[in-house]
Amino acid sequence: MRVHKATFAAALVVAAGLSLTACGPNDDTGTDQAKPTAAAPVTAAPTKAATGGSAGSAGTAGTAGTGGTAPSGKATAGGTGATDGGKAGGKCRTDDLTITAVDRTIDGDADRTVVVELKNHSGHDCSLTGYAGVDLKTNAGSLSAQRSGEPVVAGVVKNGKSTFFGISYPNNTSGGSGVKITGLVVTPPDETHSVTLPWPGAGSLPVTDGSGSPVKIGPMGSAGQGGQ
């Protein structure tokens, strides 16, 4: 009996050792699987979209957009065109004016005088500055008037109002028929369109030696409604 008990006890010890040996690896494997595995650090390669050069390009595009203010400056310049087009403050055109002429000779004057009126009927104010072109139509051909040399003063003619200038010419006291005047041609300053009017003054000019025109004109505003 003592032998059998010892053998049995030894068998139990061996069995227990085998059991522990079998369970050990399984427990370690389970423990390793439960622990999180640390991920290896990853370094991302820089892309073109993230580089400073690309961002700078986008910024440049934004700056170019600011240049959109240029059209507004251009629009302001389209307003300068309004003045040239004859709006308020622009030049009076021939079609803007009613042009007439009357005799305004004052008794006792050495020279005779015709006053030309230019009335603004355009519907807006306009400027009329300088000397008009004046030609007398005669039986001997066209005779151009000479400027008197009076200083030019800038002037604006309000709608419905007038400005005047004078034409002076010598009285024919020669006793002869002289040069017969048949008409008056007036061209406003800075214009090419003329108006032909009946001549309201004396019927003739004295014959001259051809050294120059005896007819003189003043600038715009140099004569009034009642004469010079």
C-alpha atoms as a PDB file:
ATOM      1  CA  MET A   1       0.000   0.000   0.000  1.00  0.00           C
ATOM      2  CA  ARG A   2       2.699   2.456   0.749  1.00  0.00           C
ATOM      3  CA  VAL A   3       4.229   1.797  -2.697  1.00  0.00           C
ATOM      4  CA  HIS A   4       0.949   2.312  -4.504  1.00  0.00           C
ATOM      5  CA  LYS A   5       0.256   5.606  -2.689  1.00  0.00           C
ATOM      6  CA  ALA A   6       3.661   6.984  -3.582  1.00  0.00           C
ATOM      7  CA  THR A   7       3.237   6.050  -7.213  1.00  0.00           C
ATOM      8  CA  PHE A   8      -0.180   7.655  -7.362  1.00  0.00           C
ATOM      9  CA  ALA A   9       1.074  10.855  -5.730  1.00  0.00           C
ATOM     10  CA  ALA A  10       3.935  11.074  -8.197  1.00  0.00           C
ATOM     11  CA  ALA A  11       1.505  10.666 -11.033  1.00  0.00           C
ATOM     12  CA  LEU A  12      -0.586  13.564  -9.723  1.00  0.00           C
ATOM     13  CA  VAL A  13       2.484  15.807  -9.510  1.00  0.00           C
ATOM     14  CA  VAL A  14       3.453  15.002 -13.106  1.00  0.00           C
ATOM     15  CA  ALA A  15      -0.117  15.597 -14.320  1.00  0.00           C
ATOM     16  CA  ALA A  16      -0.290  18.920 -12.510  1.00  0.00           C
ATOM     17  CA  GLY A  17       3.016  19.993 -14.068  1.00  0.00           C
ATOM     18  CA  LEU A  18       1.814  19.116 -17.507  1.00  0.00           C
ATOM     19  CA  SER A  19      -1.404  21.046 -16.924  1.00  0.00           C
ATOM     20  CA  LEU A  20       0.476  24.190 -15.848  1.00  0.00           C
ATOM     21  CA  THR A  21       2.811  23.913 -18.793  1.00  0.00           C
ATOM     22  CA  ALA A  22      -0.124  23.673 -21.212  1.00  0.00           C
ATOM     23  CA  CYS A  23      -1.983  26.710 -19.748  1.00  0.00           C
ATOM     24  CA  GLY A  24       1.048  29.067 -19.603  1.00  0.00           C
ATOM     25  CA  PRO A  25       1.441  29.877 -23.350  1.00  0.00           C
ATOM     26  CA  ASN A  26      -2.291  30.403 -23.854  1.00  0.00           C
ATOM     27  CA  ASP A  27      -2.429  32.985 -21.025  1.00  0.00           C
ATOM     28  CA  ASP A  28       0.600  34.893 -22.413  1.00  0.00           C
ATOM     29  CA  THR A  29      -0.870  34.924 -25.932  1.00  0.00           C
ATOM     30  CA  GLY A  30      -4.166  36.288 -24.696  1.00  0.00           C
ATOM     31  CA  THR A  31      -2.436  39.002 -22.723  1.00  0.00           C
ATOM     32  CA  ASP A  32      -0.361  40.096 -25.750  1.00  0.00           C
ATOM     33  CA  GLN A  33      -3.429  40.284 -27.968  1.00  0.00           C
ATOM     34  CA  ALA A  34      -5.309  42.513 -25.495  1.00  0.00           C
ATOM     35  CA  LYS A  35      -2.486  45.073 -25.295  1.00  0.00           C
ATOM     36  CA  PRO A  36      -2.748  47.848 -28.000  1.00  0.00           C
ATOM     37  CA  THR A  37       0.164  47.869 -30.384  1.00  0.00           C
ATOM     38  CA  ALA A  38       1.823  51.342 -30.728  1.00  0.00           C
ATOM     39  CA  ALA A  39       1.673  52.568 -34.366  1.00  0.00           C
ATOM     40  CA  ALA A  40       4.935  53.504 -35.959  1.00  0.00           C
ATOM     41  CA  PRO A  41       5.221  57.280 -36.571  1.00  0.00           C
ATOM     42  CA  VAL A  42       4.467  58.273 -40.163  1.00  0.00           C
ATOM     43  CA  THR A  43       5.934  61.428 -41.746  1.00  0.00           C
ATOM     44  CA  ALA A  44       3.680  62.828 -44.497  1.00  0.00           C
ATOM     45  CA  ALA A  45       5.431  64.118 -47.568  1.00  0.00           C
ATOM     46  CA  PRO A  46       4.621  67.782 -48.275  1.00  0.00           C
ATOM     47  CA  THR A  47       2.258  68.339 -51.203  1.00  0.00           C
ATOM     48  CA  LYS A  48       2.251  71.245 -53.658  1.00  0.00           C
ATOM     49  CA  ALA A  49      -1.067  72.506 -52.355  1.00  0.00           C
ATOM     50  CA  ALA A  50       0.462  72.991 -48.913  1.00  0.00           C
ATOM     51  CA  THR A  51       3.596  74.760 -50.067  1.00  0.00           C
ATOM     52  CA  GLY A  52       4.055  78.469 -49.559  1.00  0.00           C
ATOM     53  CA  GLY A  53       4.514  78.986 -53.308  1.00  0.00           C
ATOM     54  CA  SER A  54       1.018  77.818 -54.132  1.00  0.00           C
ATOM     55  CA  ALA A  55      -0.508  79.918 -51.367  1.00  0.00           C
ATOM     56  CA  GLY A  56       1.391  82.916 -52.684  1.00  0.00           C
ATOM     57  CA  SER A  57      -0.044  82.342 -56.142  1.00  0.00           C
ATOM     58  CA  ALA A  58      -3.553  82.382 -54.746  1.00  0.00           C
ATOM     59  CA  GLY A  59      -2.787  85.618 -52.932  1.00  0.00           C
ATOM     60  CA  THR A  60      -1.548  87.154 -56.187  1.00  0.00           C
ATOM     61  CA  ALA A  61      -4.801  86.298 -57.855  1.00  0.00           C
ATOM     62  CA  GLY A  62      -6.668  88.106 -55.102  1.00  0.00           C
ATOM     63  CA  THR A  63      -4.531  91.204 -55.612  1.00  0.00           C
ATOM     64  CA  ALA A  64      -5.303  91.169 -59.310  1.00  0.00           C
ATOM     65  CA  GLY A  65      -8.987  91.268 -58.450  1.00  0.00           C
ATOM     66  CA  THR A  66      -8.443  94.566 -56.692  1.00  0.00           C
ATOM     67  CA  GLY A  67      -7.615  96.066 -60.063  1.00  0.00           C
ATOM     68  CA  GLY A  68     -11.331  96.048 -60.815  1.00  0.00           C
ATOM     69  CA  THR A  69     -11.389  99.649 -59.717  1.00  0.00           C
ATOM     70  CA  ALA A  70      -9.945 100.593 -63.107  1.00  0.00           C
ATOM     71  CA  PRO A  71     -13.333 100.485 -64.920  1.00  0.00           C
ATOM     72  CA  SER A  72     -14.749 103.033 -62.450  1.00  0.00           C
ATOM     73  CA  GLY A  73     -11.878 105.389 -63.275  1.00  0.00           C
ATOM     74  CA  LYS A  74     -12.649 104.811 -66.927  1.00  0.00           C
ATOM     75  CA  ALA A  75     -16.324 105.569 -66.347  1.00  0.00           C
ATOM     76  CA  THR A  76     -15.287 108.915 -64.779  1.00  0.00           C
ATOM     77  CA  ALA A  77     -13.386 109.754 -67.948  1.00  0.00           C
ATOM     78  CA  GLY A  78     -16.724 108.947 -70.073  1.00  0.00           C
ATOM     79  CA  GLY A  79     -18.193 111.964 -68.095  1.00  0.00           C
ATOM     80  CA  THR A  80     -15.254 114.260 -69.729  1.00  0.00           C
ATOM     81  CA  GLY A  81     -16.965 113.384 -73.071  1.00  0.00           C
ATOM     82  CA  ALA A  82     -20.176 115.013 -71.927  1.00  0.00           C
ATOM     83  CA  THR A  83     -18.516 118.419 -72.027  1.00  0.00           C
ATOM     84  CA  ASP A  84     -17.264 117.888 -75.593  1.00  0.00           C
ATOM     85  CA  GLY A  85     -20.724 116.692 -76.562  1.00  0.00           C
ATOM     86  CA  GLY A  86     -22.172 120.161 -75.945  1.00  0.00           C
ATOM     87  CA  LYS A  87     -23.856 119.586 -72.592  1.00  0.00           C
ATOM     88  CA  ALA A  88     -23.886 122.231 -69.852  1.00  0.00           C
ATOM     89  CA  GLY A  89     -20.559 124.005 -70.028  1.00  0.00           C
ATOM     90  CA  GLY A  90     -19.748 122.667 -73.525  1.00  0.00           C
ATOM     91  CA  LYS A  91     -19.188 124.744 -76.613  1.00  0.00           C
ATOM     92  CA  CYS A  92     -22.096 126.365 -78.432  1.00  0.00           C
ATOM     93  CA  ARG A  93     -22.594 124.829 -81.844  1.00  0.00           C
ATOM     94  CA  THR A  94     -24.042 126.655 -84.844  1.00  0.00           C
ATOM     95  CA  ASP A  95     -27.251 124.632 -84.550  1.00  0.00           C
ATOM     96  CA  ASP A  96     -27.567 125.786 -80.919  1.00  0.00           C
ATOM     97  CA  LEU A  97     -27.747 129.436 -81.954  1.00  0.00           C
ATOM     98  CA  THR A  98     -30.153 131.858 -83.586  1.00  0.00           C
ATOM     99  CA  ILE A  99     -27.927 134.381 -85.383  1.00  0.00           C
ATOM    100  CA  THR A 100     -29.169 137.790 -86.522  1.00  0.00           C
ATOM    101  CA  ALA A 101     -27.569 141.100 -87.484  1.00  0.00           C
ATOM    102  CA  VAL A 102     -28.793 144.701 -87.190  1.00  0.00           C
ATOM    103  CA  ASP A 103     -27.410 148.150 -88.012  1.00  0.00           C
ATOM    104  CA  ARG A 104     -26.207 149.901 -84.835  1.00  0.00           C
ATOM    105  CA  THR A 105     -24.412 152.872 -86.319  1.00  0.00           C
ATOM    106  CA  ILE A 106     -24.232 155.845 -83.966  1.00  0.00           C
ATOM    107  CA  ASP A 107     -24.497 159.283 -85.555  1.00  0.00           C
ATOM    108  CA  GLY A 108     -21.183 161.094 -85.606  1.00  0.00           C
ATOM    109  CA  ASP A 109     -18.986 157.979 -85.615  1.00  0.00           C
ATOM    110  CA  ALA A 110     -16.316 157.833 -88.304  1.00  0.00           C
ATOM    111  CA  ASP A 111     -17.063 154.141 -88.947  1.00  0.00           C
ATOM    112  CA  ARG A 112     -20.371 152.396 -89.301  1.00  0.00           C
ATOM    113  CA  THR A 113     -21.393 149.470 -87.105  1.00  0.00           C
ATOM    114  CA  VAL A 114     -23.380 146.268 -87.510  1.00  0.00           C
ATOM    115  CA  VAL A 115     -24.039 144.218 -84.371  1.00  0.00           C
ATOM    116  CA  VAL A 116     -24.410 140.438 -84.625  1.00  0.00           C
ATOM    117  CA  GLU A 117     -26.510 138.658 -82.001  1.00  0.00           C
ATOM    118  CA  LEU A 118     -26.054 134.972 -81.182  1.00  0.00           C
ATOM    119  CA  LYS A 119     -28.933 133.648 -79.074  1.00  0.00           C
ATOM    120  CA  ASN A 120     -28.707 130.266 -77.335  1.00  0.00           C
ATOM    121  CA  HIS A 121     -31.805 128.148 -77.977  1.00  0.00           C
ATOM    122  CA  SER A 122     -30.167 124.774 -77.252  1.00  0.00           C
ATOM    123  CA  GLY A 123     -31.977 124.053 -73.977  1.00  0.00           C
ATOM    124  CA  HIS A 124     -28.753 124.169 -71.926  1.00  0.00           C
ATOM    125  CA  ASP A 125     -25.982 126.651 -71.146  1.00  0.00           C
ATOM    126  CA  CYS A 126     -22.960 126.626 -73.454  1.00  0.00           C
ATOM    127  CA  SER A 127     -19.711 128.519 -73.873  1.00  0.00           C
ATOM    128  CA  LEU A 128     -19.026 130.933 -76.721  1.00  0.00           C
ATOM    129  CA  THR A 129     -15.530 132.388 -76.619  1.00  0.00           C
ATOM    130  CA  GLY A 130     -13.224 134.048 -79.135  1.00  0.00           C
ATOM    131  CA  TYR A 131     -13.735 135.547 -82.552  1.00  0.00           C
ATOM    132  CA  ALA A 132     -16.311 134.486 -85.097  1.00  0.00           C
ATOM    133  CA  GLY A 133     -15.493 134.141 -88.760  1.00  0.00           C
ATOM    134  CA  VAL A 134     -17.094 136.959 -90.771  1.00  0.00           C
ATOM    135  CA  ASP A 135     -17.194 137.412 -94.527  1.00  0.00           C
ATOM    136  CA  LEU A 136     -19.008 140.072 -96.514  1.00  0.00           C
ATOM    137  CA  LYS A 137     -20.417 138.994 -99.848  1.00  0.00           C
ATOM    138  CA  THR A 138     -19.859 141.731-102.404  1.00  0.00           C
ATOM    139  CA  ASN A 139     -20.142 142.270-106.123  1.00  0.00           C
ATOM    140  CA  ALA A 140     -16.355 141.984-106.228  1.00  0.00           C
ATOM    141  CA  GLY A 141     -16.199 138.680-104.364  1.00  0.00           C
ATOM    142  CA  SER A 142     -15.971 137.643-100.705  1.00  0.00           C
ATOM    143  CA  LEU A 143     -14.273 140.004 -98.259  1.00  0.00           C
ATOM    144  CA  SER A 144     -13.064 138.562 -94.936  1.00  0.00           C
ATOM    145  CA  ALA A 145     -13.147 140.733 -91.838  1.00  0.00           C
ATOM    146  CA  GLN A 146     -10.045 141.194 -89.719  1.00  0.00           C
ATOM    147  CA  ARG A 147      -9.915 140.778 -85.939  1.00  0.00           C
ATOM    148  CA  SER A 148      -9.734 143.980 -83.952  1.00  0.00           C
ATOM    149  CA  GLY A 149      -7.139 142.589 -81.532  1.00  0.00           C
ATOM    150  CA  GLU A 150      -9.307 143.115 -78.444  1.00  0.00           C
ATOM    151  CA  PRO A 151      -8.627 140.570 -75.674  1.00  0.00           C
ATOM    152  CA  VAL A 152     -10.777 137.442 -75.589  1.00  0.00           C
ATOM    153  CA  VAL A 153     -12.805 136.786 -72.442  1.00  0.00           C
ATOM    154  CA  ALA A 154     -14.286 133.334 -71.803  1.00  0.00           C
ATOM    155  CA  GLY A 155     -18.055 133.457 -71.600  1.00  0.00           C
ATOM    156  CA  VAL A 156     -21.027 131.164 -71.037  1.00  0.00           C
ATOM    157  CA  VAL A 157     -24.324 131.906 -72.748  1.00  0.00           C
ATOM    158  CA  LYS A 158     -27.269 130.757 -70.668  1.00  0.00           C
ATOM    159  CA  ASN A 159     -30.149 129.052 -72.368  1.00  0.00           C
ATOM    160  CA  GLY A 160     -32.448 131.668 -73.881  1.00  0.00           C
ATOM    161  CA  LYS A 161     -29.835 134.436 -73.556  1.00  0.00           C
ATOM    162  CA  SER A 162     -27.604 136.139 -76.131  1.00  0.00           C
ATOM    163  CA  THR A 163     -24.105 137.428 -76.683  1.00  0.00           C
ATOM    164  CA  PHE A 164     -23.071 140.079 -79.220  1.00  0.00           C
ATOM    165  CA  PHE A 165     -20.095 141.230 -81.249  1.00  0.00           C
ATOM    166  CA  GLY A 166     -19.628 144.206 -83.542  1.00  0.00           C
ATOM    167  CA  ILE A 167     -18.595 144.620 -87.160  1.00  0.00           C
ATOM    168  CA  SER A 168     -17.133 147.995 -88.004  1.00  0.00           C
ATOM    169  CA  TYR A 169     -16.525 149.259 -91.552  1.00  0.00           C
ATOM    170  CA  PRO A 170     -15.796 152.637 -93.164  1.00  0.00           C
ATOM    171  CA  ASN A 171     -18.559 154.833 -94.487  1.00  0.00           C
ATOM    172  CA  ASN A 172     -18.464 155.298 -98.225  1.00  0.00           C
ATOM    173  CA  THR A 173     -17.990 159.051 -98.621  1.00  0.00           C
ATOM    174  CA  SER A 174     -16.152 158.868-101.931  1.00  0.00           C
ATOM    175  CA  GLY A 175     -19.194 159.887-103.949  1.00  0.00           C
ATOM    176  CA  GLY A 176     -18.832 156.776-106.082  1.00  0.00           C
ATOM    177  CA  SER A 177     -20.776 153.543-106.047  1.00  0.00           C
ATOM    178  CA  GLY A 178     -17.981 151.759-104.238  1.00  0.00           C
ATOM    179  CA  VAL A 179     -18.139 148.030-103.530  1.00  0.00           C
ATOM    180  CA  LYS A 180     -21.699 146.798-103.202  1.00  0.00           C
ATOM    181  CA  ILE A 181     -22.427 144.511-100.193  1.00  0.00           C
ATOM    182  CA  THR A 182     -24.896 141.724-100.906  1.00  0.00           C
ATOM    183  CA  GLY A 183     -24.763 139.488 -97.825  1.00  0.00           C
ATOM    184  CA  LEU A 184     -23.110 138.514 -94.495  1.00  0.00           C
ATOM    185  CA  VAL A 185     -21.659 135.090 -93.628  1.00  0.00           C
ATOM    186  CA  VAL A 186     -21.061 134.310 -89.920  1.00  0.00           C
ATOM    187  CA  THR A 187     -19.266 131.264 -88.524  1.00  0.00           C
ATOM    188  CA  PRO A 188     -19.331 130.896 -84.695  1.00  0.00           C
ATOM    189  CA  PRO A 189     -15.995 130.320 -82.917  1.00  0.00           C
ATOM    190  CA  ASP A 190     -14.571 126.783 -83.242  1.00  0.00           C
ATOM    191  CA  GLU A 191     -17.212 125.874 -85.823  1.00  0.00           C
ATOM    192  CA  THR A 192     -17.226 125.077 -89.535  1.00  0.00           C
ATOM    193  CA  HIS A 193     -20.964 125.443 -90.135  1.00  0.00           C
ATOM    194  CA  SER A 194     -21.788 128.998 -91.285  1.00  0.00           C
ATOM    195  CA  VAL A 195     -24.964 131.031 -91.478  1.00  0.00           C
ATOM    196  CA  THR A 196     -25.687 133.486 -94.314  1.00  0.00           C
ATOM    197  CA  LEU A 197     -27.663 136.590 -93.373  1.00  0.00           C
ATOM    198  CA  PRO A 198     -29.005 139.644 -95.189  1.00  0.00           C
ATOM    199  CA  TRP A 199     -26.662 142.622 -94.839  1.00  0.00           C
ATOM    200  CA  PRO A 200     -28.370 145.254 -92.631  1.00  0.00           C
ATOM    201  CA  GLY A 201     -25.840 148.083 -92.954  1.00  0.00           C
ATOM    202  CA  ALA A 202     -24.892 150.591 -95.580  1.00  0.00           C
ATOM    203  CA  GLY A 203     -25.102 149.312 -99.137  1.00  0.00           C
ATOM    204  CA  SER A 204     -21.482 149.803-100.095  1.00  0.00           C
ATOM    205  CA  LEU A 205     -17.883 150.122 -99.026  1.00  0.00           C
ATOM    206  CA  PRO A 206     -15.398 152.639-100.350  1.00  0.00           C
ATOM    207  CA  VAL A 207     -12.959 151.294-102.888  1.00  0.00           C
ATOM    208  CA  THR A 208      -9.574 150.646-101.268  1.00  0.00           C
ATOM    209  CA  ASP A 209      -6.049 150.107-102.582  1.00  0.00           C
ATOM    210  CA  GLY A 210      -6.141 146.456-101.498  1.00  0.00           C
ATOM    211  CA  SER A 211      -3.656 146.868 -98.618  1.00  0.00           C
ATOM    212  CA  GLY A 212      -5.998 145.108 -96.189  1.00  0.00           C
ATOM    213  CA  SER A 213      -9.600 144.612 -95.248  1.00  0.00           C
ATOM    214  CA  PRO A 214     -11.350 147.754 -94.027  1.00  0.00           C
ATOM    215  CA  VAL A 215     -13.838 145.550 -92.120  1.00  0.00           C
ATOM    216  CA  LYS A 216     -13.030 144.783 -88.453  1.00  0.00           C
ATOM    217  CA  ILE A 217     -14.726 142.517 -85.908  1.00  0.00           C
ATOM    218  CA  GLY A 218     -14.546 142.249 -82.128  1.00  0.00           C
ATOM    219  CA  PRO A 219     -14.617 139.073 -80.000  1.00  0.00           C
ATOM    220  CA  MET A 220     -17.705 137.540 -78.412  1.00  0.00           C
ATOM    221  CA  GLY A 221     -19.248 139.920 -75.874  1.00  0.00           C
ATOM    222  CA  SER A 222     -17.506 143.007 -77.273  1.00  0.00           C
ATOM    223  CA  ALA A 223     -20.787 144.674 -78.246  1.00  0.00           C
ATOM    224  CA  GLY A 224     -24.076 145.125 -76.457  1.00  0.00           C
ATOM    225  CA  GLN A 225     -27.656 145.156 -77.642  1.00  0.00           C
ATOM    226  CA  GLY A 226     -27.572 148.926 -78.081  1.00  0.00           C
ATOM    227  CA  GLY A 227     -24.254 149.000 -80.001  1.00  0.00           C
ATOM    228  CA  GLN A 228     -20.580 149.067 -79.090  1.00  0.00           C
END
